[in-house]
Protein backbone atom coordinates (compact mmCIF):
# COMPACT_ATOMS: atom_id res chain seq x y z
CA UNK A 1 9.81 3.55 25.37
CA UNK A 2 9.50 6.67 28.27
CA UNK A 3 10.56 9.80 27.14
CA UNK A 4 12.95 11.58 29.65
CA UNK A 5 10.74 14.22 32.16
CA UNK A 6 12.43 17.12 30.49
CA UNK A 7 11.49 15.74 27.02
CA UNK A 8 8.07 15.18 27.98
CA UNK A 9 7.73 18.20 29.50
CA UNK A 10 8.93 20.14 26.38
CA UNK A 11 6.94 18.10 23.91
CA UNK A 12 3.72 19.07 26.27
CA UNK A 13 4.55 23.00 26.30
CA UNK A 14 5.20 22.71 22.35
CA UNK A 15 1.91 20.68 21.66
CA UNK A 16 -0.01 23.66 23.81
CA UNK A 17 2.22 26.09 21.84
CA UNK A 18 1.60 24.71 18.61
CA UNK A 19 0.09 27.22 15.97
CA UNK A 20 -3.56 27.04 14.78
CA UNK A 21 -2.58 25.75 11.27
CA UNK A 22 -0.70 22.76 12.48
CA UNK A 23 -3.84 21.92 14.43
CA UNK A 24 -6.33 22.34 11.36
CA UNK A 25 -3.90 20.39 9.21
CA UNK A 26 -4.14 17.34 11.86
CA UNK A 27 -7.83 17.73 11.92
CA UNK A 28 -8.05 17.79 8.26
CA UNK A 29 -5.98 14.20 8.26
CA UNK A 30 -8.39 13.03 10.88
CA UNK A 31 -11.42 13.96 9.00
CA UNK A 32 -9.80 12.32 5.65
CA UNK A 33 -8.88 9.18 7.71
CA UNK A 34 -12.55 8.81 8.76
CA UNK A 35 -14.12 9.43 5.42
CA UNK A 36 -11.93 6.91 3.77
CA UNK A 37 -12.82 4.35 6.84
CA UNK A 38 -16.39 5.17 6.33
CA UNK A 39 -16.57 4.39 2.62
CA UNK A 40 -13.61 1.94 1.87
CA UNK A 41 -14.74 -1.34 0.27
CA UNK A 42 -15.24 -4.20 2.64
CA UNK A 43 -11.75 -5.67 1.30
CA UNK A 44 -9.71 -2.35 1.86
CA UNK A 45 -9.24 -2.67 -1.78
CA UNK A 46 -7.85 -5.88 -1.94
CA UNK A 47 -7.14 -8.13 -4.77
CA UNK A 48 -6.25 -12.13 -5.27
CA UNK A 49 -3.39 -13.11 -7.86
CA UNK A 50 -6.22 -15.27 -9.38
CA UNK A 51 -8.38 -12.16 -10.47
CA UNK A 52 -5.88 -10.60 -12.50
CA UNK A 53 -5.26 -12.65 -16.01
CA UNK A 54 -1.92 -12.86 -17.29
CA UNK A 55 -2.78 -9.88 -20.07
CA UNK A 56 -4.18 -7.67 -17.41
CA UNK A 57 -0.80 -7.38 -15.67
CA UNK A 58 0.81 -4.83 -18.16
CA UNK A 59 -2.17 -2.19 -17.30
CA UNK A 60 -0.73 -2.23 -13.45
CA UNK A 61 1.72 -0.05 -12.08
CA UNK A 62 3.10 -2.46 -9.79
CA UNK A 63 4.84 -1.39 -6.68
CA UNK A 64 7.13 -3.84 -4.77
CA UNK A 65 6.89 -2.37 -1.25
CA UNK A 66 9.75 -4.87 0.04
CA UNK A 67 13.10 -3.47 0.48
CA UNK A 68 15.92 -3.14 -1.91
CA UNK A 69 17.48 -6.25 -1.34
CA UNK A 70 14.32 -8.54 -1.52
CA UNK A 71 13.45 -6.49 -4.59
CA UNK A 72 16.87 -7.50 -6.11
CA UNK A 73 16.41 -11.22 -5.12
CA UNK A 74 13.23 -11.59 -6.72
CA UNK A 75 9.94 -9.65 -7.87
CA UNK A 76 6.91 -9.63 -10.15
CA UNK A 77 7.89 -8.58 -13.78
CA UNK A 78 7.95 -4.57 -14.40
CA UNK A 79 7.34 -4.10 -10.64
CA UNK A 80 8.50 -0.51 -9.45
CA UNK A 81 10.40 -0.85 -6.38
CA UNK A 82 9.25 1.94 -3.90
CA UNK A 83 9.58 0.94 -0.14
CA UNK A 84 6.66 0.83 1.65
CA UNK A 85 7.70 4.00 3.98
CA UNK A 86 8.61 6.11 1.07
CA UNK A 87 5.03 5.82 -0.73
CA UNK A 88 4.32 9.32 -0.10
CA UNK A 89 7.73 10.75 -0.45
CA UNK A 90 8.36 9.30 -3.73
CA UNK A 91 4.53 9.59 -5.15
CA UNK A 92 5.38 11.74 -7.86
CA UNK A 93 6.65 8.32 -9.18
CA UNK A 94 2.81 6.79 -9.07
CA UNK A 95 0.65 7.43 -11.86
CA UNK A 96 -2.97 8.22 -11.09
CA UNK A 97 -4.42 7.58 -14.38
CA UNK A 98 -3.48 4.30 -14.10
CA UNK A 99 -4.64 1.31 -12.11
CA UNK A 100 -2.26 1.07 -8.97
CA UNK A 101 -1.06 -2.67 -7.53
CA UNK A 102 1.16 -2.80 -4.26
CA UNK A 103 2.23 -5.82 -2.73
CA UNK A 104 5.24 -6.69 -0.06
CA UNK A 105 5.88 -10.48 1.30
CA UNK A 106 2.43 -10.92 2.97
CA UNK A 107 0.01 -7.90 2.36
CA UNK A 108 0.42 -6.31 5.42
CA UNK A 109 2.77 -3.72 4.72
CA UNK A 110 1.46 -3.13 1.46
CA UNK A 111 -1.66 -2.52 3.15
CA UNK A 112 -0.44 0.51 4.96
CA UNK A 113 1.26 1.88 2.12
CA UNK A 114 -2.18 1.65 -0.10
CA UNK A 115 -3.92 3.33 2.78
CA UNK A 116 -1.64 6.29 2.87
CA UNK A 117 -1.85 6.39 -1.03
CA UNK A 118 -5.61 6.47 -0.84
CA UNK A 119 -5.37 9.16 1.89
CA UNK A 120 -3.41 11.06 -0.46
CA UNK A 121 -5.95 10.95 -3.18
CA UNK A 122 -5.26 7.81 -5.17
CA UNK A 123 -8.44 6.12 -5.79
CA UNK A 124 -6.71 3.54 -8.02
CA UNK A 125 -4.78 1.76 -5.77
CA UNK A 126 -5.04 -2.06 -4.75
CA UNK A 127 -3.36 -4.45 -2.36
CA UNK A 128 -2.05 -7.91 -3.55
CA UNK A 129 -3.92 -9.92 -0.89
CA UNK A 130 -1.42 -12.27 0.53
CA UNK A 131 1.68 -10.44 -1.16
CA UNK A 132 4.36 -11.82 -2.98
CA UNK A 133 4.39 -15.25 -1.10
CA UNK A 134 1.08 -16.01 -2.17
CA UNK A 135 1.31 -14.53 -5.91
CA UNK A 136 4.33 -17.22 -6.00
CA UNK A 137 2.08 -20.01 -4.51
CA UNK A 138 -0.47 -19.59 -6.57
CA UNK A 139 1.07 -19.51 -10.21
CA UNK A 140 2.78 -15.87 -10.30
CA UNK A 141 1.31 -14.19 -13.99
CA UNK A 142 -0.45 -17.45 -14.59
CA UNK A 143 -2.44 -17.56 -10.89
CA UNK A 144 -5.80 -16.74 -12.79
CA UNK A 145 -5.35 -19.33 -15.46
CA UNK A 146 -4.38 -22.01 -13.15
CA UNK A 147 -7.63 -21.06 -10.91
CA UNK A 148 -9.69 -21.46 -13.70
CA UNK A 149 -8.06 -24.67 -15.20
CA UNK A 150 -9.97 -28.06 -15.17
CA UNK A 151 -8.82 -30.09 -12.35
CA UNK A 152 -6.78 -33.16 -13.26
CA UNK A 153 -8.21 -36.54 -11.60
């Protein structure tokens, strides 16, 4: 989408007149993102459903990052619905002293929410790989037990 010429001109003028604190704030954000990307683990803090035994789920603060209609239809038990775009605005609801697990339908939007939370200082955030769809397909809360069960021939 192209901005009308006058809007683009006003935007350019306001950017040049931007006070130093805003520029410093922008640099701080970029520096934080660079630091995060330098040191984040390879998987981006992802975890697979089968890595969480049934009795471990209660230790997580689980965030369903989908919209309220999807959450109302079906969700992981004891999950809290905070739409992915709202995680920073509602971060006061998210504990820092407990592991946090974020999921959406497939994992892409929850990855963005998790990235934002980690930049905001949450070191305890994990993203459910494959999201709700994979969680269901692999057995839900019993995914770990199903993954380690002996094969039946």
